[in-house]
Amino acid sequence: MSSEALEKDTRSAGTPPQAQYDAEKTGYTEDGLVRGEAKPGANVVVLGGLDSRSPDGAVQRRLKARHIQMIAIGGTIGTGLFVGSGEALHNGGPVGLLLGYVVMGSVVYSMMVALGEMTTLFPVSGSFTHYATRWLDPALGFALGYNYWYSYAITLPTEITAAAIVISYWDTKTNPGVWITIFLVVILFINFCGVRYYGEAEFWFSLVKVITIVGLIILGIVLDLGGGPSHDRIGFRYWKDPGAFNQLNGIPGAKGRFLAFWATFINAAFSFLGTEIVALAAGEAENPRRNVPKAIRRVFYRILLFYVGGVIVIGWLVPYNDIRLLGASTAASSPFVIAINNAKIKALPSIINAVILVSAFSAGNSDLYASSRTLYGLACAGQAPRFLRRCTKAGLPVWCVFITSLAGFLAYMNVSTNGGTVFNWFVNITSITGLITWDIILITYVRFYRGLAYNNIDRNTLPYKAPFQPYASYFGIFFINIIILFNGFQVFLAGEWLVNTFITAYICLPIFLVFYLFWKIVKRPKFVRIEDMDFTTGRRELNEMDEEETAKYVEPKGILAKIWDWLM
C-alpha cells in the first residue's frame, strides 16, 4: 500500500482488514476508540486516551510547546549530572569520563530519534508500551509496561528521600520524616491538580536546572583559565597528574584503563535514564506533531552542551583521586562544588545544593507522572483493570495517579535503619529497567521500520523522520545489550564477588521474563507478523487533530516572539 493510498484509506469510512478483524474480536472501532471489552486472547489495538466520548473519559491535551520542550530538557539534567558524575570521574578519570558520556550520549540520541518517529506518528497514552504491543508482541508490551511502571513508582520515594537528605545540608536537627511528608504532599498536590500544573511545575524546575548548568560550565571555563579568586590557571593539569585515565582496582596497563572506562560508561548510562519521558507526555501535548519533533531534534545539542560540556569542565577542575568525590549524596560530593571550594568561592555551594534539591524534587514529580501515565496506557490496552481508564472531566486518570502515589509512602521506611535496608532492596530491583526499556524501544522501532517498508509507506511522508535509520537503532541495540549483560562486571573480577551486587545487577532480567511469560501463558497473544502490522487504526483521528491544531497555529510576529518560538 502506498503512502497516498494509506492516507486516503484513513480518511475514508472503510475499515482496513486488520483493524476490521480487531474491531470484530474486541469491540474497538476503526479509529481505535474504546467501544467495549476485549475478548480473551485477542491482540488488542487501542490508541489510549483518544475517546472523550467514552464513559470513562480520557486524558486531555493541555501540555503547551514550552512544557514539552522543558520536559525534554529536564529529562537530561538531574542529580546524575550534578552529583553522580563525581563517582564516574573517580572511576574512569577525565578522559574515561568524557569518552563514556560521548558514547552513551550517542546511544541515547539513537533511541530518542527512533522513539520520536513513532511518537510523532501516533502520539498516544502509553507511548512505547503501546508501540511494543501494536507492532511487536502484546506480551512484550505488557512486560515493558509493568516493569516501567514499577521502576518509576519505586523511584518516587527514592527521590523524596534524596530531597530530605539534601535538606540536612542546612538543617540537621529536624527529623527527615517531616521533610519527607512535606515533599510528598506537594508532589501529590501537583499531580492531582492535573497535567497542566505538572507541565508548569516542570517548566520552572527545568529552567532553574538549565540556567544552573550553563552557568556552571561558564564558571568552570573561567576557573580553568585562572579567573577565580585564587587566579590559579589549571589548564589540563589533572589530565597529566594523576592522569587521563584511572586504573580500575589497581589493575595495571591497558586492561585497567579499559575497565575504568567501561565503569564510567555504565555510570553514564544511568545518568541519562528518564530522557524517554517526553514520549509519555506526547499523549497529553497540544499539537504533538509539531511540538514533539522540535523537542526530539534538539536532544543531540542538549546532550552535547549539558553533559559533554559539563564532564569536560569537571575533568579539567577536579583530579579523579579526590576523596571528596565519593561517600556523600549532597553537594559535598558534587565535582562542581569541589571545584568551587577549591577556588575559594564561599556562597556557591549552598546555591548548588539548592539546585540539587530542585533536581530531586523535579525527578519525584516526573516519576509519579510517568508511572501513572504508563499504568493508564496499560489500562487502555486492556492489560490492566478497566477502572484505571477513568478520568476526571479535566482529563486526570485519577485512579492511576492515586494507586501509583501510594508507593510514595515507602519513603518513610528510610526513617529507620532496618526499613531503609528493605527499601534499598526495592530500589535495587529497578536498577537496569530503564536500559531494558530503551532496548525494547529500539527493537520495536526496527520492526516499525521494516513494517513501513513492507507496506510501501514512504518515511518521507511521516510527520517526523528519524535520521541515520535503521543503522542508528542497530548501534543503540548493540551497546545497550552489552551494557545490560556486563553492567555487573566488577563482581567477576578476582576478589570482588558479592552476592548482593550480582543480584542488584541482574535481578531485573528474570523479573522482566516472568511478566512476559505470565501474559503469554494467560492471554496467549500472538507475535505480530509483519503482514499484520497495523499503521492505519486511529490515524484518521490523529490526522484530523493535526489539521485542527495546524489551522489554529499563528506564526509569531516580532523578533522576540520569533526567538521564543524557536527556543520553545
Protein backbone atom coordinates (compact mmCIF):
# COMPACT_ATOMS: atom_id res chain seq x y z
CA MET A 1 0.00 0.00 0.00
CA SER A 2 1.45 3.38 -0.97
CA SER A 3 1.56 6.27 1.47
CA GLU A 4 -1.01 8.15 -0.64
CA ALA A 5 -3.36 5.18 -0.58
CA LEU A 6 -2.86 4.80 3.17
CA GLU A 7 -3.69 8.45 3.76
CA LYS A 8 -6.81 8.14 1.61
CA ASP A 9 -7.85 4.99 3.43
CA THR A 10 -7.52 6.64 6.84
CA ARG A 11 -9.89 9.38 5.74
CA SER A 12 -12.48 7.04 4.26
CA ALA A 13 -15.34 5.43 6.10
CA GLY A 14 -13.97 1.99 5.35
CA THR A 15 -12.03 -0.13 7.80
CA PRO A 16 -8.71 -1.77 6.89
CA PRO A 17 -8.78 -5.58 7.07
CA GLN A 18 -6.60 -5.91 10.21
CA ALA A 19 -8.46 -3.13 12.02
CA GLN A 20 -11.79 -4.66 11.00
CA TYR A 21 -10.62 -8.01 12.34
CA ASP A 22 -9.65 -6.40 15.64
CA ALA A 23 -12.93 -4.47 15.80
CA GLU A 24 -14.94 -7.65 15.32
CA LYS A 25 -12.98 -9.50 18.00
CA THR A 26 -12.51 -6.74 20.54
CA GLY A 27 -15.24 -4.17 20.11
CA TYR A 28 -12.82 -1.40 19.09
CA THR A 29 -13.70 0.71 16.05
CA GLU A 30 -11.52 1.62 13.09
CA ASP A 31 -10.34 4.71 14.99
CA GLY A 32 -9.02 2.57 17.84
CA LEU A 33 -11.57 4.06 20.23
CA VAL A 34 -12.92 2.14 23.20
CA ARG A 35 -16.35 0.67 22.45
CA GLY A 36 -16.41 -2.50 24.51
CA GLU A 37 -14.46 -5.09 26.38
CA ALA A 38 -11.77 -7.09 24.60
CA LYS A 39 -12.32 -10.79 24.26
CA PRO A 40 -9.74 -13.04 25.91
CA GLY A 41 -6.78 -13.86 23.71
CA ALA A 42 -7.35 -11.07 21.20
CA ASN A 43 -4.49 -8.90 20.05
CA VAL A 44 -5.93 -5.54 21.01
CA VAL A 45 -5.01 -2.43 19.04
CA VAL A 46 -6.04 0.58 21.07
CA LEU A 47 -4.97 4.19 20.95
CA GLY A 48 -5.36 5.01 24.60
CA GLY A 49 -6.89 8.29 25.64
CA LEU A 50 -8.39 9.34 22.32
CA ASP A 51 -12.06 8.85 23.07
CA SER A 52 -13.50 11.76 25.01
CA ARG A 53 -16.96 10.25 24.40
CA SER A 54 -16.13 7.13 26.39
CA PRO A 55 -17.96 6.84 29.74
CA ASP A 56 -14.50 6.55 31.29
CA GLY A 57 -13.44 9.92 29.88
CA ALA A 58 -9.94 10.49 28.55
CA VAL A 59 -6.75 12.43 29.14
CA GLN A 60 -6.66 15.87 27.54
CA ARG A 61 -4.01 17.67 25.51
CA ARG A 62 -3.04 20.51 27.84
CA LEU A 63 0.76 20.49 27.68
CA LYS A 64 1.95 23.50 25.73
CA ALA A 65 5.01 23.69 23.48
CA ARG A 66 7.15 25.25 26.21
CA HIS A 67 6.13 22.47 28.63
CA ILE A 68 7.18 19.75 26.17
CA GLN A 69 10.49 21.46 25.46
CA MET A 70 11.37 21.80 29.13
CA ILE A 71 10.23 18.26 29.97
CA ALA A 72 12.62 17.08 27.25
CA ILE A 73 15.41 19.16 28.77
CA GLY A 74 14.55 18.15 32.34
CA GLY A 75 14.95 14.51 31.40
CA THR A 76 18.63 15.13 30.64
CA ILE A 77 19.59 17.21 33.67
CA GLY A 78 19.44 15.89 37.20
CA THR A 79 21.35 14.59 40.17
CA GLY A 80 23.15 12.18 37.82
CA LEU A 81 24.97 15.13 36.28
CA PHE A 82 25.30 17.33 39.35
CA VAL A 83 26.37 14.58 41.78
CA GLY A 84 26.64 11.18 40.05
CA SER A 85 29.26 12.45 37.62
CA GLY A 86 31.66 12.64 40.58
CA GLU A 87 31.67 8.86 41.00
CA ALA A 88 32.09 8.47 37.23
CA LEU A 89 35.10 10.81 37.31
CA HIS A 90 36.61 8.82 40.17
CA ASN A 91 36.10 5.53 38.31
CA GLY A 92 37.45 6.47 34.91
CA GLY A 93 39.49 9.64 35.11
CA PRO A 94 38.77 12.74 32.97
CA VAL A 95 39.25 11.13 29.54
CA GLY A 96 37.48 7.91 30.52
CA LEU A 97 34.61 10.05 31.83
CA LEU A 98 34.43 12.07 28.62
CA LEU A 99 34.51 9.02 26.34
CA GLY A 100 31.87 7.25 28.41
CA TYR A 101 29.45 10.15 28.21
CA VAL A 102 30.10 10.76 24.50
CA VAL A 103 29.40 7.13 23.57
CA MET A 104 26.39 6.90 25.88
CA GLY A 105 25.06 10.21 24.60
CA SER A 106 25.20 8.78 21.08
CA VAL A 107 23.22 5.73 22.20
CA VAL A 108 20.60 7.93 23.87
CA TYR A 109 20.31 10.05 20.73
CA SER A 110 19.75 6.94 18.59
CA MET A 111 16.97 5.84 20.95
CA MET A 112 15.29 9.25 21.15
CA VAL A 113 15.10 9.87 17.39
CA ALA A 114 13.68 6.37 16.85
CA LEU A 115 11.11 6.93 19.59
CA GLY A 116 10.39 10.38 18.17
CA GLU A 117 9.39 8.98 14.76
CA MET A 118 6.91 6.54 16.30
CA THR A 119 5.61 9.02 18.85
CA THR A 120 5.01 11.78 16.32
CA LEU A 121 3.04 9.43 14.07
CA PHE A 122 0.97 8.08 16.99
CA PRO A 123 1.20 10.49 19.99
CA VAL A 124 -0.93 8.43 22.36
CA SER A 125 -1.09 7.48 26.02
CA GLY A 126 1.17 4.59 26.88
CA SER A 127 3.62 5.54 24.15
CA PHE A 128 6.34 2.91 23.82
CA THR A 129 4.34 0.22 25.68
CA HIS A 130 1.58 0.72 23.09
CA TYR A 131 4.07 0.51 20.22
CA ALA A 132 5.57 -2.76 21.51
CA THR A 133 2.06 -4.22 21.85
CA ARG A 134 0.96 -2.99 18.45
CA TRP A 135 3.96 -3.81 16.26
CA LEU A 136 5.93 -6.47 18.11
CA ASP A 137 4.27 -8.65 20.74
CA PRO A 138 1.46 -7.80 23.22
CA ALA A 139 3.21 -9.87 25.88
CA LEU A 140 6.34 -7.77 25.41
CA GLY A 141 4.28 -4.58 25.74
CA PHE A 142 2.74 -5.96 28.94
CA ALA A 143 6.13 -6.83 30.47
CA LEU A 144 7.63 -3.49 29.40
CA GLY A 145 4.72 -1.52 30.81
CA TYR A 146 4.66 -3.11 34.25
CA ASN A 147 8.44 -3.05 34.62
CA TYR A 148 8.47 0.64 33.67
CA TRP A 149 5.54 1.44 35.96
CA TYR A 150 7.17 -0.30 38.91
CA SER A 151 10.55 1.27 38.19
CA TYR A 152 9.25 4.83 38.36
CA ALA A 153 6.73 4.17 41.11
CA ILE A 154 9.52 2.93 43.40
CA THR A 155 11.85 5.74 42.30
CA LEU A 156 9.32 8.29 43.59
CA PRO A 157 10.07 7.57 47.29
CA THR A 158 13.77 7.37 46.42
CA GLU A 159 13.79 10.94 45.12
CA ILE A 160 11.68 12.16 48.05
CA THR A 161 14.23 10.62 50.42
CA ALA A 162 17.09 12.19 48.46
CA ALA A 163 15.43 15.60 48.77
CA ALA A 164 15.09 15.15 52.53
CA ILE A 165 18.78 14.19 52.77
CA VAL A 166 19.76 17.31 50.82
CA ILE A 167 17.86 19.45 53.34
CA SER A 168 20.22 18.13 56.03
CA TYR A 169 22.91 20.32 54.43
CA TRP A 170 21.19 23.24 56.20
CA ASP A 171 19.02 21.54 58.85
CA THR A 172 20.47 18.64 60.84
CA LYS A 173 18.02 18.79 63.75
CA THR A 174 14.62 18.18 62.11
CA ASN A 175 13.58 14.56 61.69
CA PRO A 176 13.81 13.57 57.97
CA GLY A 177 10.24 12.25 58.21
CA VAL A 178 8.98 15.84 58.45
CA TRP A 179 10.61 16.83 55.15
CA ILE A 180 9.52 13.57 53.53
CA THR A 181 5.94 14.46 54.44
CA ILE A 182 6.22 17.98 53.04
CA PHE A 183 7.76 16.87 49.73
CA LEU A 184 5.28 14.01 49.32
CA VAL A 185 2.28 16.27 49.92
CA VAL A 186 3.50 18.88 47.41
CA ILE A 187 4.25 16.28 44.71
CA LEU A 188 0.84 14.65 45.19
CA PHE A 189 -0.85 18.04 45.07
CA ILE A 190 0.82 18.98 41.77
CA ASN A 191 -0.04 15.67 40.11
CA PHE A 192 -3.62 15.54 41.37
CA CYS A 193 -4.21 19.06 40.05
CA GLY A 194 -3.71 17.74 36.51
CA VAL A 195 -1.26 17.67 33.63
CA ARG A 196 -1.26 21.44 33.08
CA TYR A 197 0.05 22.03 36.60
CA TYR A 198 2.58 19.23 36.21
CA GLY A 199 3.79 20.81 32.97
CA GLU A 200 4.02 24.25 34.54
CA ALA A 201 5.97 22.94 37.53
CA GLU A 202 8.40 21.05 35.28
CA PHE A 203 8.85 24.12 33.10
CA TRP A 204 10.15 26.18 36.02
CA PHE A 205 12.13 23.33 37.61
CA SER A 206 13.85 22.63 34.30
CA LEU A 207 14.51 26.31 33.69
CA VAL A 208 16.35 26.51 37.02
CA LYS A 209 18.44 23.45 36.11
CA VAL A 210 19.27 24.74 32.63
CA ILE A 211 20.37 28.15 33.92
CA THR A 212 22.45 26.47 36.62
CA ILE A 213 24.31 24.01 34.38
CA VAL A 214 25.02 26.68 31.76
CA GLY A 215 26.30 28.98 34.49
CA LEU A 216 28.47 26.20 35.96
CA ILE A 217 30.01 25.40 32.58
CA ILE A 218 30.85 29.06 32.01
CA LEU A 219 32.21 29.36 35.56
CA GLY A 220 34.27 26.20 35.07
CA ILE A 221 35.90 27.61 31.93
CA VAL A 222 36.70 30.83 33.79
CA LEU A 223 38.20 28.93 36.74
CA ASP A 224 40.23 26.68 34.44
CA LEU A 225 41.73 29.76 32.79
CA GLY A 226 42.67 31.27 36.15
CA GLY A 227 39.80 33.71 36.52
CA GLY A 228 38.86 32.64 40.06
CA PRO A 229 39.80 34.33 43.34
CA SER A 230 42.97 32.22 43.57
CA HIS A 231 43.97 33.06 39.95
CA ASP A 232 45.26 29.52 39.60
CA ARG A 233 45.41 28.61 35.89
CA ILE A 234 44.65 24.87 35.87
CA GLY A 235 44.51 24.05 32.17
CA PHE A 236 44.97 20.29 31.62
CA ARG A 237 46.96 19.83 34.81
CA TYR A 238 44.85 16.94 36.13
CA TRP A 239 44.96 15.14 32.80
CA LYS A 240 48.70 14.77 33.44
CA ASP A 241 48.70 14.25 37.21
CA PRO A 242 47.12 11.99 38.41
CA GLY A 243 46.40 11.19 34.73
CA ALA A 244 43.83 10.99 31.95
CA PHE A 245 42.62 7.50 32.96
CA ASN A 246 42.23 5.74 36.27
CA GLN A 247 43.31 2.10 36.67
CA LEU A 248 40.29 0.15 37.90
CA ASN A 249 41.04 -1.67 41.16
CA GLY A 250 44.72 -1.02 40.55
CA ILE A 251 44.78 -3.33 37.51
CA PRO A 252 47.87 -2.23 35.53
CA GLY A 253 48.18 -1.34 31.86
CA ALA A 254 45.62 -1.04 29.09
CA LYS A 255 43.29 -3.57 30.73
CA GLY A 256 42.91 -1.46 33.87
CA ARG A 257 42.30 1.69 31.81
CA PHE A 258 39.70 -0.03 29.62
CA LEU A 259 37.82 -1.40 32.64
CA ALA A 260 37.89 2.06 34.23
CA PHE A 261 36.38 3.49 31.05
CA TRP A 262 33.77 0.73 31.00
CA ALA A 263 32.75 1.52 34.59
CA THR A 264 32.31 5.16 33.54
CA PHE A 265 30.26 4.04 30.56
CA ILE A 266 27.82 2.31 32.91
CA ASN A 267 27.65 5.36 35.21
CA ALA A 268 26.80 7.49 32.20
CA ALA A 269 24.01 5.12 31.15
CA PHE A 270 22.23 5.54 34.47
CA SER A 271 22.71 9.32 34.37
CA PHE A 272 20.74 9.53 31.10
CA LEU A 273 17.75 7.48 32.29
CA GLY A 274 14.46 9.39 32.04
CA THR A 275 15.03 11.06 28.67
CA GLU A 276 12.17 8.98 27.25
CA ILE A 277 9.53 10.62 29.48
CA VAL A 278 8.85 13.25 26.80
CA ALA A 279 7.25 10.47 24.70
CA LEU A 280 4.79 9.72 27.50
CA ALA A 281 3.94 13.41 27.68
CA ALA A 282 3.13 13.43 23.94
CA GLY A 283 -0.21 11.78 24.71
CA GLU A 284 -1.27 14.96 26.52
CA ALA A 285 0.55 17.53 24.37
CA GLU A 286 -1.02 20.26 22.29
CA ASN A 287 -0.15 19.93 18.60
CA PRO A 288 2.18 16.94 19.24
CA ARG A 289 3.16 16.53 15.59
CA ARG A 290 4.74 19.97 15.71
CA ASN A 291 5.99 20.17 19.29
CA VAL A 292 7.39 16.66 19.81
CA PRO A 293 9.71 16.74 16.75
CA LYS A 294 11.06 20.12 17.89
CA ALA A 295 11.95 18.61 21.26
CA ILE A 296 13.45 15.46 19.73
CA ARG A 297 15.60 17.31 17.18
CA ARG A 298 17.28 19.28 19.95
CA VAL A 299 18.17 16.27 22.09
CA PHE A 300 21.57 15.97 20.40
CA TYR A 301 22.50 19.59 21.14
CA ARG A 302 21.32 19.33 24.73
CA ILE A 303 23.39 16.21 25.30
CA LEU A 304 26.39 17.91 23.69
CA LEU A 305 26.04 21.11 25.73
CA PHE A 306 24.88 19.93 29.12
CA TYR A 307 26.50 16.52 29.53
CA VAL A 308 29.59 16.59 27.31
CA GLY A 309 30.27 20.23 28.18
CA GLY A 310 29.71 19.53 31.88
CA VAL A 311 32.01 16.50 32.11
CA ILE A 312 34.77 18.28 30.18
CA VAL A 313 34.71 21.09 32.74
CA ILE A 314 34.77 18.83 35.81
CA GLY A 315 37.56 16.76 34.22
CA TRP A 316 39.60 19.95 33.98
CA LEU A 317 38.94 21.17 37.51
CA VAL A 318 38.92 18.10 39.78
CA PRO A 319 41.51 15.26 39.98
CA TYR A 320 39.91 11.82 39.84
CA ASN A 321 41.66 10.76 43.07
CA ASP A 322 39.99 13.47 45.19
CA ILE A 323 38.40 11.55 48.08
CA ARG A 324 35.51 14.05 48.27
CA LEU A 325 34.06 12.59 45.07
CA LEU A 326 32.78 9.54 46.98
CA GLY A 327 30.76 8.83 50.07
CA ALA A 328 28.09 11.58 50.11
CA SER A 329 24.74 12.30 48.48
CA THR A 330 24.59 16.07 48.82
CA ALA A 331 26.51 18.97 47.33
CA ALA A 332 29.61 17.80 49.21
CA SER A 333 30.34 15.09 46.60
CA SER A 334 29.41 17.16 43.55
CA PRO A 335 32.50 17.78 41.39
CA PHE A 336 31.15 21.24 40.61
CA VAL A 337 31.04 22.11 44.31
CA ILE A 338 34.50 20.62 44.88
CA ALA A 339 35.87 22.82 42.10
CA ILE A 340 34.14 25.89 43.57
CA ASN A 341 35.51 25.14 47.05
CA ASN A 342 38.99 24.69 45.60
CA ALA A 343 38.65 28.12 44.02
CA LYS A 344 37.61 29.54 47.44
CA ILE A 345 34.20 30.82 46.32
CA LYS A 346 32.13 30.62 49.51
CA ALA A 347 28.48 31.29 48.58
CA LEU A 348 28.03 28.98 45.62
CA PRO A 349 27.99 25.54 47.34
CA SER A 350 24.70 26.37 49.05
CA ILE A 351 23.25 27.52 45.74
CA ILE A 352 24.31 24.30 44.02
CA ASN A 353 22.84 22.28 46.88
CA ALA A 354 19.55 24.12 46.38
CA VAL A 355 19.60 23.18 42.69
CA ILE A 356 20.29 19.54 43.62
CA LEU A 357 17.22 19.78 45.86
CA VAL A 358 15.18 21.12 42.94
CA SER A 359 16.51 18.29 40.75
CA ALA A 360 15.47 15.62 43.25
CA PHE A 361 12.04 17.21 43.71
CA SER A 362 11.58 17.55 39.94
CA ALA A 363 12.56 13.91 39.44
CA GLY A 364 10.00 12.79 42.02
CA ASN A 365 7.34 14.87 40.31
CA SER A 366 8.18 13.31 36.93
CA ASP A 367 8.35 9.81 38.41
CA LEU A 368 4.73 9.99 39.57
CA TYR A 369 3.62 11.41 36.23
CA ALA A 370 5.50 8.83 34.12
CA SER A 371 4.43 5.82 36.16
CA SER A 372 0.76 6.86 36.41
CA ARG A 373 0.52 7.50 32.63
CA THR A 374 2.19 4.16 31.92
CA LEU A 375 -0.43 2.44 34.08
CA TYR A 376 -3.16 4.38 32.26
CA GLY A 377 -1.75 3.24 28.90
CA LEU A 378 -1.80 -0.37 30.10
CA ALA A 379 -5.43 0.00 31.14
CA CYS A 380 -6.35 1.46 27.74
CA ALA A 381 -4.66 -1.53 26.08
CA GLY A 382 -6.71 -3.97 28.14
CA GLN A 383 -3.62 -5.01 30.14
CA ALA A 384 -4.76 -3.51 33.46
CA PRO A 385 -8.17 -3.34 35.21
CA ARG A 386 -10.76 -1.30 33.34
CA PHE A 387 -11.47 1.10 36.23
CA LEU A 388 -7.95 2.53 35.76
CA ARG A 389 -9.14 4.12 32.49
CA ARG A 390 -11.41 6.51 34.35
CA CYS A 391 -10.51 10.17 34.04
CA THR A 392 -11.94 13.30 35.61
CA LYS A 393 -13.57 15.98 33.49
CA ALA A 394 -10.20 17.75 33.46
CA GLY A 395 -8.54 14.65 31.93
CA LEU A 396 -6.78 13.30 35.04
CA PRO A 397 -6.50 9.47 35.22
CA VAL A 398 -7.34 9.76 38.88
CA TRP A 399 -7.17 6.08 39.87
CA CYS A 400 -3.81 5.61 38.15
CA VAL A 401 -2.37 8.61 39.98
CA PHE A 402 -3.87 7.50 43.29
CA ILE A 403 -2.61 3.90 43.15
CA THR A 404 0.85 4.94 41.98
CA SER A 405 1.09 7.66 44.63
CA LEU A 406 0.81 5.02 47.37
CA ALA A 407 4.38 4.00 46.56
CA GLY A 408 5.50 7.41 47.83
CA PHE A 409 4.76 6.35 51.41
CA LEU A 410 7.58 3.81 51.19
CA ALA A 411 9.90 6.79 51.72
CA TYR A 412 9.09 6.56 55.43
CA MET A 413 10.94 3.23 55.54
CA ASN A 414 14.15 5.23 55.29
CA VAL A 415 13.49 6.87 58.65
CA SER A 416 14.54 3.63 60.37
CA THR A 417 17.73 1.69 59.67
CA ASN A 418 16.07 -1.70 59.13
CA GLY A 419 13.35 -0.18 56.96
CA GLY A 420 15.96 1.62 54.89
CA THR A 421 17.70 -1.69 54.16
CA VAL A 422 14.47 -3.26 52.94
CA PHE A 423 13.69 -0.17 50.88
CA ASN A 424 17.10 -0.39 49.19
CA TRP A 425 16.19 -3.89 48.05
CA PHE A 426 13.15 -2.46 46.27
CA VAL A 427 15.28 0.20 44.61
CA ASN A 428 17.94 -2.29 43.50
CA ILE A 429 15.34 -4.28 41.58
CA THR A 430 14.81 -1.26 39.28
CA SER A 431 18.49 -0.69 38.54
CA ILE A 432 18.51 -1.92 34.94
CA THR A 433 14.84 -1.45 33.99
CA GLY A 434 15.49 1.83 32.18
CA LEU A 435 18.05 0.19 29.91
CA ILE A 436 15.63 -2.66 29.16
CA THR A 437 13.07 -0.01 28.20
CA TRP A 438 15.49 1.65 25.76
CA ASP A 439 16.33 -1.75 24.29
CA ILE A 440 12.67 -2.61 23.62
CA ILE A 441 12.05 0.86 22.16
CA LEU A 442 14.84 0.35 19.62
CA ILE A 443 13.81 -3.22 18.80
CA THR A 444 10.24 -2.00 18.30
CA TYR A 445 11.48 0.74 16.00
CA VAL A 446 13.41 -1.72 13.83
CA ARG A 447 10.20 -3.72 13.49
CA PHE A 448 8.28 -0.49 12.76
CA TYR A 449 10.85 0.46 10.11
CA ARG A 450 10.54 -2.91 8.38
CA GLY A 451 6.75 -2.79 8.56
CA LEU A 452 6.68 0.57 6.82
CA ALA A 453 8.89 -0.81 4.04
CA TYR A 454 6.71 -3.94 3.68
CA ASN A 455 3.60 -1.77 3.29
CA ASN A 456 5.35 0.59 0.84
CA ILE A 457 4.89 3.58 3.16
CA ASP A 458 7.38 6.31 2.35
CA ARG A 459 9.02 7.56 5.56
CA ASN A 460 9.39 10.99 3.94
CA THR A 461 5.60 11.37 4.28
CA LEU A 462 5.71 10.87 8.06
CA PRO A 463 5.40 13.86 10.41
CA TYR A 464 8.98 13.22 11.60
CA LYS A 465 11.69 11.09 10.01
CA ALA A 466 14.46 9.86 12.28
CA PRO A 467 17.97 10.31 10.81
CA PHE A 468 20.54 7.54 10.24
CA GLN A 469 18.00 4.73 10.37
CA PRO A 470 17.95 1.80 10.76
CA TYR A 471 21.71 1.85 11.45
CA ALA A 472 21.42 4.20 14.43
CA SER A 473 18.97 1.75 16.04
CA TYR A 474 21.29 -1.20 15.41
CA PHE A 475 24.08 0.80 17.04
CA GLY A 476 21.91 1.54 20.07
CA ILE A 477 20.66 -2.04 20.41
CA PHE A 478 24.21 -3.39 20.32
CA PHE A 479 25.58 -1.09 23.02
CA ILE A 480 22.54 -1.30 25.30
CA ASN A 481 22.60 -5.10 25.28
CA ILE A 482 26.33 -5.06 26.00
CA ILE A 483 25.71 -2.75 28.98
CA ILE A 484 22.86 -4.91 30.29
CA LEU A 485 24.97 -8.07 30.09
CA PHE A 486 28.12 -6.57 31.61
CA ASN A 487 26.77 -3.90 33.97
CA GLY A 488 27.84 -6.02 36.95
CA PHE A 489 31.21 -7.00 35.52
CA GLN A 490 33.13 -5.91 38.62
CA VAL A 491 31.76 -8.80 40.69
CA PHE A 492 33.55 -11.21 38.34
CA LEU A 493 36.97 -9.67 38.96
CA ALA A 494 39.32 -11.50 41.30
CA GLY A 495 38.35 -11.00 44.93
CA GLU A 496 35.33 -8.80 44.11
CA TRP A 497 32.46 -11.33 44.22
CA LEU A 498 29.46 -10.11 46.24
CA VAL A 499 26.08 -11.84 46.04
CA ASN A 500 24.14 -8.63 46.73
CA THR A 501 25.93 -6.78 43.94
CA PHE A 502 25.31 -9.61 41.49
CA ILE A 503 21.60 -9.71 42.33
CA THR A 504 21.34 -5.93 42.01
CA ALA A 505 22.93 -6.03 38.57
CA TYR A 506 20.85 -8.84 37.06
CA ILE A 507 17.60 -9.40 39.01
CA CYS A 508 15.65 -7.21 36.54
CA LEU A 509 16.16 -9.69 33.71
CA PRO A 510 14.30 -12.67 35.27
CA ILE A 511 11.59 -10.32 36.59
CA PHE A 512 11.00 -8.99 33.07
CA LEU A 513 10.89 -12.57 31.77
CA VAL A 514 8.31 -13.55 34.41
CA PHE A 515 6.00 -10.70 33.33
CA TYR A 516 6.42 -11.67 29.69
CA LEU A 517 5.69 -15.37 30.25
CA PHE A 518 2.72 -14.60 32.51
CA TRP A 519 0.91 -12.63 29.79
CA LYS A 520 1.99 -15.10 27.09
CA ILE A 521 0.60 -18.06 29.01
CA VAL A 522 -2.56 -16.43 30.38
CA LYS A 523 -3.71 -14.47 27.30
CA ARG A 524 -1.77 -16.33 24.59
CA PRO A 525 -1.30 -13.30 22.30
CA LYS A 526 0.41 -13.96 19.00
CA PHE A 527 3.61 -12.34 17.84
CA VAL A 528 2.63 -9.59 15.37
CA ARG A 529 3.58 -10.78 11.89
CA ILE A 530 4.90 -8.16 9.51
CA GLU A 531 1.92 -8.60 7.18
CA ASP A 532 -0.45 -7.94 10.10
CA MET A 533 1.26 -4.78 11.36
CA ASP A 534 -1.33 -2.02 11.64
CA PHE A 535 -0.35 1.52 10.57
CA THR A 536 -3.93 2.67 9.93
CA THR A 537 -6.02 2.23 13.06
CA GLY A 538 -6.55 5.55 14.81
CA ARG A 539 -4.53 7.55 12.30
CA ARG A 540 -7.57 9.28 10.85
CA GLU A 541 -8.47 10.97 14.13
CA LEU A 542 -4.86 11.96 14.74
CA ASN A 543 -4.65 13.45 11.25
CA GLU A 544 -7.84 15.44 11.86
CA MET A 545 -6.46 16.65 15.20
CA ASP A 546 -3.26 17.69 13.44
CA GLU A 547 -5.20 19.68 10.85
CA GLU A 548 -7.15 21.47 13.58
CA GLU A 549 -4.00 22.31 15.51
CA THR A 550 -2.24 23.50 12.36
CA ALA A 551 -5.18 25.73 11.49
CA LYS A 552 -5.08 27.30 14.95
CA TYR A 553 -1.33 27.92 14.88
CA VAL A 554 -0.40 31.58 14.41
CA GLU A 555 3.05 32.48 13.11
CA PRO A 556 4.92 34.62 15.67
CA LYS A 557 5.45 38.27 14.84
CA GLY A 558 8.33 40.38 16.04
CA ILE A 559 11.91 39.44 16.84
CA LEU A 560 11.32 38.44 20.47
CA ALA A 561 8.29 36.32 19.59
CA LYS A 562 10.24 34.54 16.84
CA ILE A 563 13.17 33.87 19.19
CA TRP A 564 10.81 32.45 21.82
CA ASP A 565 9.08 30.28 19.21
CA TRP A 566 12.47 28.98 18.05
CA LEU A 567 13.51 28.18 21.62
CA MET A 568 10.18 26.59 22.61
